[in-house]
Amino acid sequence: MPQKTLLLFDVDGTLVYSDRRDSQCFAKAYEEKYERAFPTLDWRQFSHVTDHIIFGSCIEQHFGRTYTREEEEDFRTLYMSMLREERRREPNAFREVPGAGAFWRKLEEHPEYDVAIATGGWCAPAQIKLTHVGIDPSELIISGGDLRETRDDILQAAIDTATVRAGHSFDRVVYIGDAEWDAQTTSRMGLDFVGVRHRGDYDVLERFGTRSIIRDYQQPDHFWEAVERASPPFVSVR
């Protein structure tokens, strides 16, 4: 059997975007539950950009302890409730990166590629976001920040699960993401990286050594060209 290429996708900013309304829901849920001001929406201030670490860091900062599994589940339930309500109230604020849904459905049928999700967010909220833009998460491999501390762990878990499902290793893995921490992670792991900047501000990723960047998925040829020339970001950063 010929080996395939595995395409791993981030979610927020890569397939969907909401101008940080998701992040605002996270902060609002925290403030409602704990009656403490959420420290910052600048994820770069946290040691790792995963829901697990962000939530845990806030609990440690405010209460000097770690959180329990039940506590995390309660918070995630509240967060998801607010996420659904915000989407119901203002559906037009939550959008796909142009062309993402239609292009994803074509990718799923492509004989030379397998696809999976690797996101720093928890899996359940990621499913809500994907469904909102017409991507069916029911059969998808989704590796998220559920008890995984680093994005390296999240990507590796997705690769391992996809390898088991495929029954063979992949001759190439390409990660598609939008943020500086995606460039940092793929640099550390030596993975090929395609950046996505739907606003056209490519410099955000270029300064982290990203060579291959697209704006959206409306021109499939541009995506395939980006995948072809993708390489690990050449600047080694934290």
C-alpha atoms as a PDB file:
ATOM      1  CA  MET A   1       0.000   0.000   0.000  1.00  0.00           C
ATOM      2  CA  PRO A   2       1.464   3.410  -0.948  1.00  0.00           C
ATOM      3  CA  GLN A   3       2.060   5.658   2.019  1.00  0.00           C
ATOM      4  CA  LYS A   4       0.021   8.831   2.409  1.00  0.00           C
ATOM      5  CA  THR A   5       0.735  12.318   3.636  1.00  0.00           C
ATOM      6  CA  LEU A   6      -0.966  13.301   6.891  1.00  0.00           C
ATOM      7  CA  LEU A   7      -2.370  16.825   7.002  1.00  0.00           C
ATOM      8  CA  LEU A   8      -2.890  18.027  10.577  1.00  0.00           C
ATOM      9  CA  PHE A   9      -5.041  21.121  11.088  1.00  0.00           C
ATOM     10  CA  ASP A  10      -5.393  23.545  13.949  1.00  0.00           C
ATOM     11  CA  VAL A  11      -8.937  24.918  14.454  1.00  0.00           C
ATOM     12  CA  ASP A  12      -9.094  28.530  15.680  1.00  0.00           C
ATOM     13  CA  GLY A  13      -7.760  30.944  13.080  1.00  0.00           C
ATOM     14  CA  THR A  14      -6.976  28.076  10.739  1.00  0.00           C
ATOM     15  CA  LEU A  15     -10.411  26.679   9.851  1.00  0.00           C
ATOM     16  CA  VAL A  16     -12.701  29.013  11.831  1.00  0.00           C
ATOM     17  CA  TYR A  17     -12.450  32.459  13.385  1.00  0.00           C
ATOM     18  CA  SER A  18     -14.559  34.693  15.605  1.00  0.00           C
ATOM     19  CA  ASP A  19     -12.412  37.735  16.380  1.00  0.00           C
ATOM     20  CA  ARG A  20     -11.609  36.257  19.812  1.00  0.00           C
ATOM     21  CA  ARG A  21     -15.223  35.763  20.874  1.00  0.00           C
ATOM     22  CA  ASP A  22     -14.364  32.178  21.805  1.00  0.00           C
ATOM     23  CA  SER A  23     -11.599  33.467  24.052  1.00  0.00           C
ATOM     24  CA  GLN A  24     -13.984  35.989  25.551  1.00  0.00           C
ATOM     25  CA  CYS A  25     -16.451  33.190  26.349  1.00  0.00           C
ATOM     26  CA  PHE A  26     -13.630  31.303  28.082  1.00  0.00           C
ATOM     27  CA  ALA A  27     -12.804  34.361  30.201  1.00  0.00           C
ATOM     28  CA  LYS A  28     -16.467  35.102  30.940  1.00  0.00           C
ATOM     29  CA  ALA A  29     -17.087  31.508  32.068  1.00  0.00           C
ATOM     30  CA  TYR A  30     -14.054  31.677  34.361  1.00  0.00           C
ATOM     31  CA  GLU A  31     -15.118  34.978  35.902  1.00  0.00           C
ATOM     32  CA  GLU A  32     -18.681  33.754  36.462  1.00  0.00           C
ATOM     33  CA  LYS A  33     -17.568  30.521  38.090  1.00  0.00           C
ATOM     34  CA  TYR A  34     -14.695  31.815  40.225  1.00  0.00           C
ATOM     35  CA  GLU A  35     -15.518  35.521  40.717  1.00  0.00           C
ATOM     36  CA  ARG A  36     -11.964  36.477  39.781  1.00  0.00           C
ATOM     37  CA  ALA A  37     -10.805  38.643  36.887  1.00  0.00           C
ATOM     38  CA  PHE A  38      -9.434  36.528  34.050  1.00  0.00           C
ATOM     39  CA  PRO A  39      -5.737  37.454  33.839  1.00  0.00           C
ATOM     40  CA  THR A  40      -5.270  38.048  30.100  1.00  0.00           C
ATOM     41  CA  LEU A  41      -6.467  37.097  26.631  1.00  0.00           C
ATOM     42  CA  ASP A  42      -2.891  37.234  25.380  1.00  0.00           C
ATOM     43  CA  TRP A  43      -2.187  33.512  25.221  1.00  0.00           C
ATOM     44  CA  ARG A  44       1.536  34.202  24.817  1.00  0.00           C
ATOM     45  CA  GLN A  45       1.618  34.961  28.557  1.00  0.00           C
ATOM     46  CA  PHE A  46       0.998  31.284  29.371  1.00  0.00           C
ATOM     47  CA  SER A  47       3.724  28.634  29.399  1.00  0.00           C
ATOM     48  CA  HIS A  48       1.837  26.546  26.819  1.00  0.00           C
ATOM     49  CA  VAL A  49      -1.106  27.602  24.669  1.00  0.00           C
ATOM     50  CA  THR A  50      -3.513  24.817  25.583  1.00  0.00           C
ATOM     51  CA  ASP A  51      -6.849  25.020  27.412  1.00  0.00           C
ATOM     52  CA  HIS A  52      -5.468  22.621  29.996  1.00  0.00           C
ATOM     53  CA  ILE A  53      -2.539  24.905  30.861  1.00  0.00           C
ATOM     54  CA  ILE A  54      -4.463  28.184  30.558  1.00  0.00           C
ATOM     55  CA  PHE A  55      -7.196  26.999  32.920  1.00  0.00           C
ATOM     56  CA  GLY A  56      -4.738  25.384  35.319  1.00  0.00           C
ATOM     57  CA  SER A  57      -2.509  28.467  35.403  1.00  0.00           C
ATOM     58  CA  CYS A  58      -5.441  30.680  36.364  1.00  0.00           C
ATOM     59  CA  ILE A  59      -6.478  28.333  39.178  1.00  0.00           C
ATOM     60  CA  GLU A  60      -2.898  28.217  40.448  1.00  0.00           C
ATOM     61  CA  GLN A  61      -2.560  32.015  40.286  1.00  0.00           C
ATOM     62  CA  HIS A  62      -5.820  32.734  42.101  1.00  0.00           C
ATOM     63  CA  PHE A  63      -6.076  29.857  44.547  1.00  0.00           C
ATOM     64  CA  GLY A  64      -2.602  28.342  44.845  1.00  0.00           C
ATOM     65  CA  ARG A  65      -3.711  24.829  43.946  1.00  0.00           C
ATOM     66  CA  THR A  66      -4.301  22.458  41.062  1.00  0.00           C
ATOM     67  CA  TYR A  67      -7.794  21.777  39.773  1.00  0.00           C
ATOM     68  CA  THR A  68      -9.691  18.521  39.931  1.00  0.00           C
ATOM     69  CA  ARG A  69     -11.027  16.521  36.985  1.00  0.00           C
ATOM     70  CA  GLU A  70     -14.598  17.228  38.105  1.00  0.00           C
ATOM     71  CA  GLU A  71     -13.827  20.937  38.376  1.00  0.00           C
ATOM     72  CA  GLU A  72     -12.478  20.994  34.833  1.00  0.00           C
ATOM     73  CA  GLU A  73     -15.563  19.198  33.529  1.00  0.00           C
ATOM     74  CA  ASP A  74     -17.857  21.682  35.293  1.00  0.00           C
ATOM     75  CA  PHE A  75     -15.962  24.633  33.860  1.00  0.00           C
ATOM     76  CA  ARG A  76     -15.872  23.139  30.364  1.00  0.00           C
ATOM     77  CA  THR A  77     -19.636  22.560  30.506  1.00  0.00           C
ATOM     78  CA  LEU A  78     -20.219  26.214  31.413  1.00  0.00           C
ATOM     79  CA  TYR A  79     -17.788  27.397  28.735  1.00  0.00           C
ATOM     80  CA  MET A  80     -19.477  25.291  26.054  1.00  0.00           C
ATOM     81  CA  SER A  81     -22.894  26.563  27.122  1.00  0.00           C
ATOM     82  CA  MET A  82     -21.708  30.135  26.664  1.00  0.00           C
ATOM     83  CA  LEU A  83     -20.093  29.221  23.353  1.00  0.00           C
ATOM     84  CA  ARG A  84     -23.358  27.767  22.039  1.00  0.00           C
ATOM     85  CA  GLU A  85     -25.359  30.748  23.281  1.00  0.00           C
ATOM     86  CA  GLU A  86     -22.979  33.229  21.673  1.00  0.00           C
ATOM     87  CA  ARG A  87     -23.197  31.334  18.386  1.00  0.00           C
ATOM     88  CA  ARG A  88     -26.982  31.273  18.624  1.00  0.00           C
ATOM     89  CA  ARG A  89     -27.113  34.985  19.445  1.00  0.00           C
ATOM     90  CA  GLU A  90     -24.645  36.148  16.800  1.00  0.00           C
ATOM     91  CA  PRO A  91     -24.067  33.354  14.274  1.00  0.00           C
ATOM     92  CA  ASN A  92     -22.486  35.688  11.731  1.00  0.00           C
ATOM     93  CA  ALA A  93     -19.678  36.495  14.145  1.00  0.00           C
ATOM     94  CA  PHE A  94     -18.406  32.904  13.906  1.00  0.00           C
ATOM     95  CA  ARG A  95     -17.124  32.204  10.433  1.00  0.00           C
ATOM     96  CA  GLU A  96     -15.088  29.759   8.488  1.00  0.00           C
ATOM     97  CA  VAL A  97     -11.784  30.825   7.066  1.00  0.00           C
ATOM     98  CA  PRO A  98     -13.044  31.375   3.489  1.00  0.00           C
ATOM     99  CA  GLY A  99     -13.457  28.097   1.633  1.00  0.00           C
ATOM    100  CA  ALA A 100     -12.474  25.892   4.592  1.00  0.00           C
ATOM    101  CA  GLY A 101     -15.634  23.779   4.842  1.00  0.00           C
ATOM    102  CA  ALA A 102     -15.952  22.897   1.157  1.00  0.00           C
ATOM    103  CA  PHE A 103     -12.234  22.294   0.787  1.00  0.00           C
ATOM    104  CA  TRP A 104     -12.167  20.085   3.880  1.00  0.00           C
ATOM    105  CA  ARG A 105     -14.863  17.825   2.442  1.00  0.00           C
ATOM    106  CA  LYS A 106     -12.779  17.383  -0.709  1.00  0.00           C
ATOM    107  CA  LEU A 107      -9.706  16.616   1.386  1.00  0.00           C
ATOM    108  CA  GLU A 108     -11.524  13.823   3.194  1.00  0.00           C
ATOM    109  CA  GLU A 109     -12.062  12.080  -0.144  1.00  0.00           C
ATOM    110  CA  HIS A 110      -8.538  12.606  -1.481  1.00  0.00           C
ATOM    111  CA  PRO A 111      -6.756   9.261  -2.017  1.00  0.00           C
ATOM    112  CA  GLU A 112      -3.288  10.590  -1.250  1.00  0.00           C
ATOM    113  CA  TYR A 113      -3.987  12.374   2.023  1.00  0.00           C
ATOM    114  CA  ASP A 114      -5.365  11.670   5.481  1.00  0.00           C
ATOM    115  CA  VAL A 115      -6.582  14.530   7.659  1.00  0.00           C
ATOM    116  CA  ALA A 116      -6.801  15.065  11.412  1.00  0.00           C
ATOM    117  CA  ILE A 117      -7.275  17.861  13.909  1.00  0.00           C
ATOM    118  CA  ALA A 118      -4.626  18.895  16.442  1.00  0.00           C
ATOM    119  CA  THR A 119      -5.709  21.859  18.564  1.00  0.00           C
ATOM    120  CA  GLY A 120      -4.680  23.403  21.841  1.00  0.00           C
ATOM    121  CA  GLY A 121      -8.348  23.693  22.764  1.00  0.00           C
ATOM    122  CA  TRP A 122     -10.374  20.988  24.447  1.00  0.00           C
ATOM    123  CA  CYS A 123     -11.898  18.493  22.025  1.00  0.00           C
ATOM    124  CA  ALA A 124     -15.568  19.110  22.860  1.00  0.00           C
ATOM    125  CA  PRO A 125     -15.519  22.883  22.147  1.00  0.00           C
ATOM    126  CA  ALA A 126     -13.518  22.170  18.978  1.00  0.00           C
ATOM    127  CA  GLN A 127     -16.341  19.921  17.786  1.00  0.00           C
ATOM    128  CA  ILE A 128     -18.838  22.764  18.274  1.00  0.00           C
ATOM    129  CA  LYS A 129     -16.659  25.102  16.220  1.00  0.00           C
ATOM    130  CA  LEU A 130     -16.156  22.604  13.403  1.00  0.00           C
ATOM    131  CA  THR A 131     -19.853  21.785  13.204  1.00  0.00           C
ATOM    132  CA  HIS A 132     -20.697  25.471  12.997  1.00  0.00           C
ATOM    133  CA  VAL A 133     -18.863  25.741   9.665  1.00  0.00           C
ATOM    134  CA  GLY A 134     -20.107  22.471   8.205  1.00  0.00           C
ATOM    135  CA  ILE A 135     -17.243  20.129   9.102  1.00  0.00           C
ATOM    136  CA  ASP A 136     -18.563  16.867  10.542  1.00  0.00           C
ATOM    137  CA  PRO A 137     -16.413  15.943  13.572  1.00  0.00           C
ATOM    138  CA  SER A 138     -18.067  12.591  14.285  1.00  0.00           C
ATOM    139  CA  GLU A 139     -15.445  10.409  12.560  1.00  0.00           C
ATOM    140  CA  LEU A 140     -12.537  12.808  12.818  1.00  0.00           C
ATOM    141  CA  ILE A 141      -9.351  12.216  14.735  1.00  0.00           C
ATOM    142  CA  ILE A 142      -9.285  15.193  17.109  1.00  0.00           C
ATOM    143  CA  SER A 143      -6.328  15.590  19.425  1.00  0.00           C
ATOM    144  CA  GLY A 144      -6.851  18.469  21.842  1.00  0.00           C
ATOM    145  CA  GLY A 145      -5.688  20.020  25.061  1.00  0.00           C
ATOM    146  CA  ASP A 146      -7.536  17.488  27.207  1.00  0.00           C
ATOM    147  CA  LEU A 147      -4.933  16.748  29.894  1.00  0.00           C
ATOM    148  CA  ARG A 148      -2.074  17.329  27.412  1.00  0.00           C
ATOM    149  CA  GLU A 149       0.186  20.103  28.559  1.00  0.00           C
ATOM    150  CA  THR A 150       2.103  20.978  25.395  1.00  0.00           C
ATOM    151  CA  ARG A 151       1.243  21.430  21.756  1.00  0.00           C
ATOM    152  CA  ASP A 152       4.070  19.003  20.960  1.00  0.00           C
ATOM    153  CA  ASP A 153       2.174  16.323  22.909  1.00  0.00           C
ATOM    154  CA  ILE A 154      -1.065  17.203  21.119  1.00  0.00           C
ATOM    155  CA  LEU A 155       0.437  16.963  17.629  1.00  0.00           C
ATOM    156  CA  GLN A 156       2.271  13.742  18.451  1.00  0.00           C
ATOM    157  CA  ALA A 157      -0.926  12.173  19.821  1.00  0.00           C
ATOM    158  CA  ALA A 158      -2.730  13.035  16.567  1.00  0.00           C
ATOM    159  CA  ILE A 159       0.087  11.526  14.513  1.00  0.00           C
ATOM    160  CA  ASP A 160       0.120   8.362  16.623  1.00  0.00           C
ATOM    161  CA  THR A 161      -3.662   7.920  16.425  1.00  0.00           C
ATOM    162  CA  ALA A 162      -3.734   8.560  12.667  1.00  0.00           C
ATOM    163  CA  THR A 163      -0.905   6.067  12.166  1.00  0.00           C
ATOM    164  CA  VAL A 164      -2.788   3.367  14.056  1.00  0.00           C
ATOM    165  CA  ARG A 165      -5.992   4.060  12.121  1.00  0.00           C
ATOM    166  CA  ALA A 166      -4.180   4.020   8.765  1.00  0.00           C
ATOM    167  CA  GLY A 167      -2.287   0.861   9.598  1.00  0.00           C
ATOM    168  CA  HIS A 168       1.017   2.301   8.423  1.00  0.00           C
ATOM    169  CA  SER A 169       3.311   5.237   9.016  1.00  0.00           C
ATOM    170  CA  PHE A 170       3.117   8.384   6.924  1.00  0.00           C
ATOM    171  CA  ASP A 171       5.890   9.404   4.582  1.00  0.00           C
ATOM    172  CA  ARG A 172       5.196  13.038   5.428  1.00  0.00           C
ATOM    173  CA  VAL A 173       3.295  15.053   8.054  1.00  0.00           C
ATOM    174  CA  VAL A 174       2.301  18.664   7.394  1.00  0.00           C
ATOM    175  CA  TYR A 175       0.762  20.879  10.074  1.00  0.00           C
ATOM    176  CA  ILE A 176      -1.528  23.737   9.071  1.00  0.00           C
ATOM    177  CA  GLY A 177      -1.864  26.483  11.709  1.00  0.00           C
ATOM    178  CA  ASP A 178      -2.160  30.223  12.135  1.00  0.00           C
ATOM    179  CA  ALA A 179      -0.212  31.332  15.194  1.00  0.00           C
ATOM    180  CA  GLU A 180       3.358  31.891  16.269  1.00  0.00           C
ATOM    181  CA  TRP A 181       3.135  28.972  18.713  1.00  0.00           C
ATOM    182  CA  ASP A 182       2.249  26.704  15.778  1.00  0.00           C
ATOM    183  CA  ALA A 183       5.456  27.793  14.054  1.00  0.00           C
ATOM    184  CA  GLN A 184       7.379  27.256  17.291  1.00  0.00           C
ATOM    185  CA  THR A 185       5.948  23.781  17.798  1.00  0.00           C
ATOM    186  CA  THR A 186       6.637  22.565  14.274  1.00  0.00           C
ATOM    187  CA  SER A 187      10.134  24.025  14.458  1.00  0.00           C
ATOM    188  CA  ARG A 188      10.850  22.009  17.609  1.00  0.00           C
ATOM    189  CA  MET A 189       9.321  18.840  16.162  1.00  0.00           C
ATOM    190  CA  GLY A 190      10.854  19.191  12.703  1.00  0.00           C
ATOM    191  CA  LEU A 191       7.436  19.090  11.015  1.00  0.00           C
ATOM    192  CA  ASP A 192       6.576  20.799   7.747  1.00  0.00           C
ATOM    193  CA  PHE A 193       4.344  23.797   8.350  1.00  0.00           C
ATOM    194  CA  VAL A 194       1.810  25.773   6.314  1.00  0.00           C
ATOM    195  CA  GLY A 195       0.693  29.026   7.888  1.00  0.00           C
ATOM    196  CA  VAL A 196      -2.798  30.494   7.471  1.00  0.00           C
ATOM    197  CA  ARG A 197      -3.414  34.238   7.883  1.00  0.00           C
ATOM    198  CA  HIS A 198      -6.898  35.062   6.650  1.00  0.00           C
ATOM    199  CA  ARG A 199      -6.273  38.795   7.145  1.00  0.00           C
ATOM    200  CA  GLY A 200      -3.226  38.690   4.900  1.00  0.00           C
ATOM    201  CA  ASP A 201      -0.777  39.693   7.662  1.00  0.00           C
ATOM    202  CA  TYR A 202       1.840  37.140   6.659  1.00  0.00           C
ATOM    203  CA  ASP A 203       4.599  38.918   8.613  1.00  0.00           C
ATOM    204  CA  VAL A 204       3.128  37.505  11.866  1.00  0.00           C
ATOM    205  CA  LEU A 205       4.438  34.082  10.861  1.00  0.00           C
ATOM    206  CA  GLU A 206       7.312  35.079   8.593  1.00  0.00           C
ATOM    207  CA  ARG A 207       9.208  36.497  11.562  1.00  0.00           C
ATOM    208  CA  PHE A 208       9.056  33.029  13.098  1.00  0.00           C
ATOM    209  CA  GLY A 209      10.674  31.470  10.055  1.00  0.00           C
ATOM    210  CA  THR A 210       7.564  30.286   8.209  1.00  0.00           C
ATOM    211  CA  ARG A 211       8.214  29.931   4.485  1.00  0.00           C
ATOM    212  CA  SER A 212       4.831  28.711   3.272  1.00  0.00           C
ATOM    213  CA  ILE A 213       1.717  30.800   4.037  1.00  0.00           C
ATOM    214  CA  ILE A 214      -1.772  31.000   2.526  1.00  0.00           C
ATOM    215  CA  ARG A 215      -4.633  33.381   3.125  1.00  0.00           C
ATOM    216  CA  ASP A 216      -7.566  30.958   2.838  1.00  0.00           C
ATOM    217  CA  TYR A 217      -8.840  27.890   0.954  1.00  0.00           C
ATOM    218  CA  GLN A 218     -10.702  29.542  -1.895  1.00  0.00           C
ATOM    219  CA  GLN A 219      -8.007  28.677  -4.412  1.00  0.00           C
ATOM    220  CA  PRO A 220      -7.101  25.010  -3.914  1.00  0.00           C
ATOM    221  CA  ASP A 221      -4.060  25.281  -6.186  1.00  0.00           C
ATOM    222  CA  HIS A 222      -2.548  27.767  -3.749  1.00  0.00           C
ATOM    223  CA  PHE A 223      -3.045  25.306  -0.899  1.00  0.00           C
ATOM    224  CA  TRP A 224      -1.380  22.458  -2.768  1.00  0.00           C
ATOM    225  CA  GLU A 225       1.519  24.688  -3.773  1.00  0.00           C
ATOM    226  CA  ALA A 226       1.923  25.684  -0.135  1.00  0.00           C
ATOM    227  CA  VAL A 227       1.928  22.053   0.989  1.00  0.00           C
ATOM    228  CA  GLU A 228       4.479  21.179  -1.689  1.00  0.00           C
ATOM    229  CA  ARG A 229       6.943  23.850  -0.553  1.00  0.00           C
ATOM    230  CA  ALA A 230       6.237  23.533   3.189  1.00  0.00           C
ATOM    231  CA  SER A 231       9.162  22.914   5.506  1.00  0.00           C
ATOM    232  CA  PRO A 232       9.854  23.247   9.232  1.00  0.00           C
ATOM    233  CA  PRO A 233      10.164  26.909  10.281  1.00  0.00           C
ATOM    234  CA  PHE A 234      13.848  27.682  10.161  1.00  0.00           C
ATOM    235  CA  VAL A 235      14.068  29.858  13.264  1.00  0.00           C
ATOM    236  CA  SER A 236      14.386  27.722  16.378  1.00  0.00           C
ATOM    237  CA  VAL A 237      12.432  29.452  19.150  1.00  0.00           C
ATOM    238  CA  ARG A 238      10.985  28.505  22.517  1.00  0.00           C
END
